[in-house]
């Protein structure tokens, strides 16, 4: 009986590592996508910093998107890991 418990906990730990790894990879891919869009926009409008709607610098929009992606993917990944750990300890 004790051997099954350790095996089950090992599987849960591997699942937690898998979940956080997947979220990190998807987050990195999303950040790379935002970076590519930023580069393309700078290639289309060389010279000055593009301004959206006459008020908002594009750099601010890109940085907000980066922060949002990090918060959502890392936060949700950590939530899933915590949920897995709590469920396995019950």
N, C-alpha and C. Protein backbone atom coordinates (compact mmCIF):
# COMPACT_ATOMS: atom_id res chain seq x y z
N UNK A 1 0.82 -1.19 0.00
CA UNK A 1 0.00 0.00 0.00
C UNK A 1 0.87 1.26 0.00
N UNK A 2 1.94 1.28 0.80
CA UNK A 2 2.79 2.46 0.87
C UNK A 2 3.52 2.68 -0.45
N UNK A 3 3.90 1.60 -1.13
CA UNK A 3 4.57 1.75 -2.42
C UNK A 3 3.69 2.43 -3.46
N UNK A 4 2.40 2.12 -3.45
CA UNK A 4 1.48 2.77 -4.38
C UNK A 4 1.34 4.26 -4.09
N UNK A 5 1.38 4.61 -2.80
CA UNK A 5 1.26 6.02 -2.43
C UNK A 5 2.44 6.82 -2.96
N UNK A 6 3.66 6.27 -2.81
CA UNK A 6 4.83 6.98 -3.31
C UNK A 6 4.81 7.06 -4.83
N UNK A 7 4.36 6.02 -5.48
CA UNK A 7 4.28 6.03 -6.94
C UNK A 7 3.25 7.07 -7.39
N UNK A 8 2.10 7.11 -6.71
CA UNK A 8 1.08 8.09 -7.06
C UNK A 8 1.58 9.52 -6.84
N UNK A 9 2.30 9.76 -5.75
CA UNK A 9 2.85 11.09 -5.49
C UNK A 9 3.90 11.45 -6.53
N UNK A 10 4.68 10.47 -6.96
CA UNK A 10 5.65 10.71 -8.01
C UNK A 10 4.99 11.10 -9.31
N UNK A 11 3.89 10.42 -9.64
CA UNK A 11 3.14 10.74 -10.85
C UNK A 11 2.55 12.15 -10.74
N UNK A 12 2.02 12.49 -9.58
CA UNK A 12 1.47 13.83 -9.37
C UNK A 12 2.55 14.90 -9.49
N UNK A 13 3.74 14.61 -8.94
CA UNK A 13 4.85 15.57 -9.05
C UNK A 13 5.27 15.75 -10.49
N UNK A 14 5.36 14.66 -11.24
CA UNK A 14 5.71 14.76 -12.66
C UNK A 14 4.65 15.53 -13.43
N UNK A 15 3.38 15.32 -13.08
CA UNK A 15 2.30 16.05 -13.72
C UNK A 15 2.41 17.55 -13.43
N UNK A 16 2.74 17.90 -12.19
CA UNK A 16 2.91 19.30 -11.83
C UNK A 16 4.05 19.93 -12.62
N UNK A 17 5.16 19.21 -12.75
CA UNK A 17 6.30 19.72 -13.54
C UNK A 17 5.89 19.86 -15.00
N UNK A 18 5.13 18.89 -15.51
CA UNK A 18 4.67 18.94 -16.90
C UNK A 18 3.78 20.17 -17.12
N UNK A 19 2.86 20.43 -16.21
CA UNK A 19 1.94 21.56 -16.35
C UNK A 19 2.70 22.87 -16.37
N UNK A 20 3.59 23.07 -15.42
CA UNK A 20 4.32 24.35 -15.36
C UNK A 20 5.24 24.49 -16.56
N UNK A 21 5.83 23.39 -17.04
CA UNK A 21 6.69 23.44 -18.23
C UNK A 21 5.88 23.83 -19.46
N UNK A 22 4.71 23.25 -19.62
CA UNK A 22 3.86 23.60 -20.76
C UNK A 22 3.45 25.07 -20.73
N UNK A 23 3.10 25.56 -19.55
CA UNK A 23 2.72 26.96 -19.45
C UNK A 23 3.90 27.87 -19.75
N UNK A 24 5.09 27.49 -19.29
CA UNK A 24 6.27 28.30 -19.60
C UNK A 24 6.55 28.32 -21.10
N UNK A 25 6.46 27.17 -21.75
CA UNK A 25 6.73 27.11 -23.18
C UNK A 25 5.69 27.91 -23.97
N UNK A 26 4.44 27.80 -23.63
CA UNK A 26 3.40 28.56 -24.32
C UNK A 26 3.58 30.06 -24.07
N UNK A 27 3.93 30.41 -22.84
CA UNK A 27 4.19 31.82 -22.53
C UNK A 27 5.37 32.36 -23.32
N UNK A 28 6.43 31.57 -23.43
CA UNK A 28 7.60 31.99 -24.21
C UNK A 28 7.22 32.16 -25.68
N UNK A 29 6.44 31.22 -26.21
CA UNK A 29 6.00 31.33 -27.61
C UNK A 29 5.15 32.59 -27.81
N UNK A 30 4.27 32.90 -26.87
CA UNK A 30 3.44 34.10 -26.98
C UNK A 30 4.29 35.37 -26.91
N UNK A 31 5.28 35.38 -26.02
CA UNK A 31 6.18 36.53 -25.93
C UNK A 31 6.98 36.71 -27.21
N UNK A 32 7.41 35.60 -27.80
CA UNK A 32 8.13 35.68 -29.09
C UNK A 32 7.21 36.22 -30.18
N UNK A 33 5.95 35.82 -30.16
CA UNK A 33 4.99 36.34 -31.12
C UNK A 33 4.81 37.84 -30.99
N UNK A 34 4.72 38.33 -29.76
CA UNK A 34 4.58 39.77 -29.53
C UNK A 34 5.84 40.48 -30.00
N UNK A 35 7.00 39.90 -29.74
CA UNK A 35 8.26 40.50 -30.18
C UNK A 35 8.32 40.58 -31.70
N UNK A 36 7.87 39.53 -32.40
CA UNK A 36 7.87 39.53 -33.86
C UNK A 36 6.94 40.62 -34.40
N UNK A 37 5.77 40.74 -33.81
CA UNK A 37 4.84 41.81 -34.23
C UNK A 37 5.48 43.17 -34.01
N UNK A 38 6.16 43.36 -32.90
CA UNK A 38 6.84 44.62 -32.62
C UNK A 38 7.90 44.91 -33.69
N UNK A 39 8.69 43.91 -34.04
CA UNK A 39 9.73 44.09 -35.06
C UNK A 39 9.12 44.43 -36.42
N UNK A 40 8.04 43.74 -36.79
CA UNK A 40 7.40 44.00 -38.09
C UNK A 40 6.86 45.43 -38.13
N UNK A 41 6.24 45.87 -37.05
CA UNK A 41 5.71 47.23 -37.01
C UNK A 41 6.84 48.24 -37.13
N UNK A 42 7.97 47.98 -36.47
CA UNK A 42 9.11 48.90 -36.57
C UNK A 42 9.73 48.88 -37.96
N UNK A 43 9.65 47.75 -38.66
CA UNK A 43 10.13 47.71 -40.04
C UNK A 43 9.21 48.50 -40.96
N UNK A 44 7.90 48.47 -40.69
CA UNK A 44 6.94 49.20 -41.53
C UNK A 44 6.97 50.71 -41.29
N UNK A 45 7.29 51.14 -40.05
CA UNK A 45 7.37 52.54 -39.71
C UNK A 45 8.77 52.85 -39.16
N UNK A 46 9.76 52.95 -40.05
CA UNK A 46 11.13 53.20 -39.57
C UNK A 46 11.28 54.65 -39.07
N UNK A 47 12.27 54.81 -38.25
CA UNK A 47 12.59 56.15 -37.76
C UNK A 47 12.04 56.43 -36.38
N UNK A 48 10.83 56.97 -36.32
CA UNK A 48 10.27 57.38 -35.03
C UNK A 48 9.45 56.25 -34.41
N UNK A 49 9.18 56.41 -33.15
CA UNK A 49 8.34 55.45 -32.41
C UNK A 49 6.89 55.62 -32.86
N UNK A 50 6.24 54.54 -33.31
CA UNK A 50 4.83 54.65 -33.72
C UNK A 50 3.93 55.03 -32.54
N UNK A 51 2.97 55.90 -32.81
CA UNK A 51 2.02 56.35 -31.81
C UNK A 51 0.63 55.88 -32.25
N UNK A 52 -0.08 55.20 -31.36
CA UNK A 52 -1.43 54.73 -31.66
C UNK A 52 -2.46 55.76 -31.20
N UNK A 53 -3.42 56.04 -32.05
CA UNK A 53 -4.51 56.96 -31.75
C UNK A 53 -4.02 58.36 -31.38
N UNK A 54 -2.82 58.68 -31.80
CA UNK A 54 -2.27 60.00 -31.53
C UNK A 54 -1.84 60.25 -30.10
N UNK A 55 -1.89 59.23 -29.24
CA UNK A 55 -1.57 59.43 -27.82
C UNK A 55 -0.72 58.34 -27.21
N UNK A 56 -0.93 57.08 -27.59
CA UNK A 56 -0.31 55.95 -26.90
C UNK A 56 0.88 55.44 -27.69
N UNK A 57 2.08 55.50 -27.11
CA UNK A 57 3.24 54.94 -27.82
C UNK A 57 3.10 53.41 -27.96
N UNK A 58 3.52 52.91 -29.09
CA UNK A 58 3.43 51.47 -29.33
C UNK A 58 4.23 50.69 -28.30
N UNK A 59 5.33 51.22 -27.84
CA UNK A 59 6.17 50.55 -26.85
C UNK A 59 5.35 50.23 -25.59
N UNK A 60 4.49 51.15 -25.19
CA UNK A 60 3.66 50.93 -24.00
C UNK A 60 2.69 49.77 -24.21
N UNK A 61 2.11 49.67 -25.40
CA UNK A 61 1.18 48.58 -25.71
C UNK A 61 1.92 47.25 -25.70
N UNK A 62 3.11 47.20 -26.30
CA UNK A 62 3.90 45.96 -26.35
C UNK A 62 4.30 45.53 -24.94
N UNK A 63 4.74 46.46 -24.11
CA UNK A 63 5.14 46.11 -22.75
C UNK A 63 3.95 45.64 -21.91
N UNK A 64 2.78 46.23 -22.14
CA UNK A 64 1.58 45.78 -21.44
C UNK A 64 1.20 44.37 -21.87
N UNK A 65 1.31 44.08 -23.16
CA UNK A 65 1.02 42.73 -23.65
C UNK A 65 2.00 41.73 -23.06
N UNK A 66 3.28 42.08 -22.99
CA UNK A 66 4.28 41.18 -22.37
C UNK A 66 3.93 40.90 -20.91
N UNK A 67 3.62 41.94 -20.17
CA UNK A 67 3.27 41.76 -18.77
C UNK A 67 2.02 40.93 -18.58
N UNK A 68 1.01 41.18 -19.40
CA UNK A 68 -0.22 40.40 -19.32
C UNK A 68 0.01 38.93 -19.61
N UNK A 69 0.81 38.64 -20.62
CA UNK A 69 1.11 37.25 -20.96
C UNK A 69 1.83 36.57 -19.80
N UNK A 70 2.81 37.23 -19.23
CA UNK A 70 3.54 36.63 -18.10
C UNK A 70 2.63 36.38 -16.91
N UNK A 71 1.79 37.34 -16.59
CA UNK A 71 0.90 37.18 -15.44
C UNK A 71 -0.09 36.05 -15.67
N UNK A 72 -0.71 36.02 -16.84
CA UNK A 72 -1.74 35.02 -17.11
C UNK A 72 -1.15 33.62 -17.16
N UNK A 73 -0.12 33.41 -17.97
CA UNK A 73 0.39 32.06 -18.14
C UNK A 73 1.12 31.55 -16.90
N UNK A 74 1.96 32.36 -16.29
CA UNK A 74 2.64 31.89 -15.09
C UNK A 74 1.68 31.77 -13.91
N UNK A 75 0.76 32.71 -13.79
CA UNK A 75 -0.22 32.63 -12.70
C UNK A 75 -1.11 31.41 -12.82
N UNK A 76 -1.63 31.18 -14.03
CA UNK A 76 -2.49 30.02 -14.23
C UNK A 76 -1.71 28.72 -14.07
N UNK A 77 -0.46 28.70 -14.53
CA UNK A 77 0.37 27.50 -14.36
C UNK A 77 0.63 27.20 -12.90
N UNK A 78 0.94 28.23 -12.13
CA UNK A 78 1.17 28.02 -10.70
C UNK A 78 -0.11 27.60 -9.99
N UNK A 79 -1.24 28.14 -10.42
CA UNK A 79 -2.52 27.73 -9.86
C UNK A 79 -2.76 26.24 -10.11
N UNK A 80 -2.49 25.79 -11.34
CA UNK A 80 -2.71 24.37 -11.67
C UNK A 80 -1.77 23.47 -10.87
N UNK A 81 -0.53 23.91 -10.68
CA UNK A 81 0.42 23.13 -9.88
C UNK A 81 -0.05 23.07 -8.43
N UNK A 82 -0.47 24.19 -7.88
CA UNK A 82 -0.95 24.21 -6.49
C UNK A 82 -2.18 23.33 -6.33
N UNK A 83 -3.08 23.38 -7.30
CA UNK A 83 -4.27 22.54 -7.25
C UNK A 83 -3.90 21.06 -7.28
N UNK A 84 -2.92 20.71 -8.09
CA UNK A 84 -2.46 19.31 -8.17
C UNK A 84 -1.85 18.87 -6.86
N UNK A 85 -1.03 19.73 -6.25
CA UNK A 85 -0.38 19.39 -4.98
C UNK A 85 -1.42 19.25 -3.88
N UNK A 86 -2.38 20.14 -3.81
CA UNK A 86 -3.42 20.08 -2.79
C UNK A 86 -4.26 18.82 -2.97
N UNK A 87 -4.62 18.53 -4.24
CA UNK A 87 -5.44 17.35 -4.50
C UNK A 87 -4.69 16.07 -4.13
N UNK A 88 -3.38 16.04 -4.37
CA UNK A 88 -2.62 14.82 -4.05
C UNK A 88 -2.41 14.65 -2.55
N UNK A 89 -2.46 15.76 -1.80
CA UNK A 89 -2.24 15.64 -0.35
C UNK A 89 -3.51 15.26 0.39
N UNK A 90 -4.65 15.33 -0.25
CA UNK A 90 -5.91 14.96 0.42
C UNK A 90 -6.12 13.49 0.49
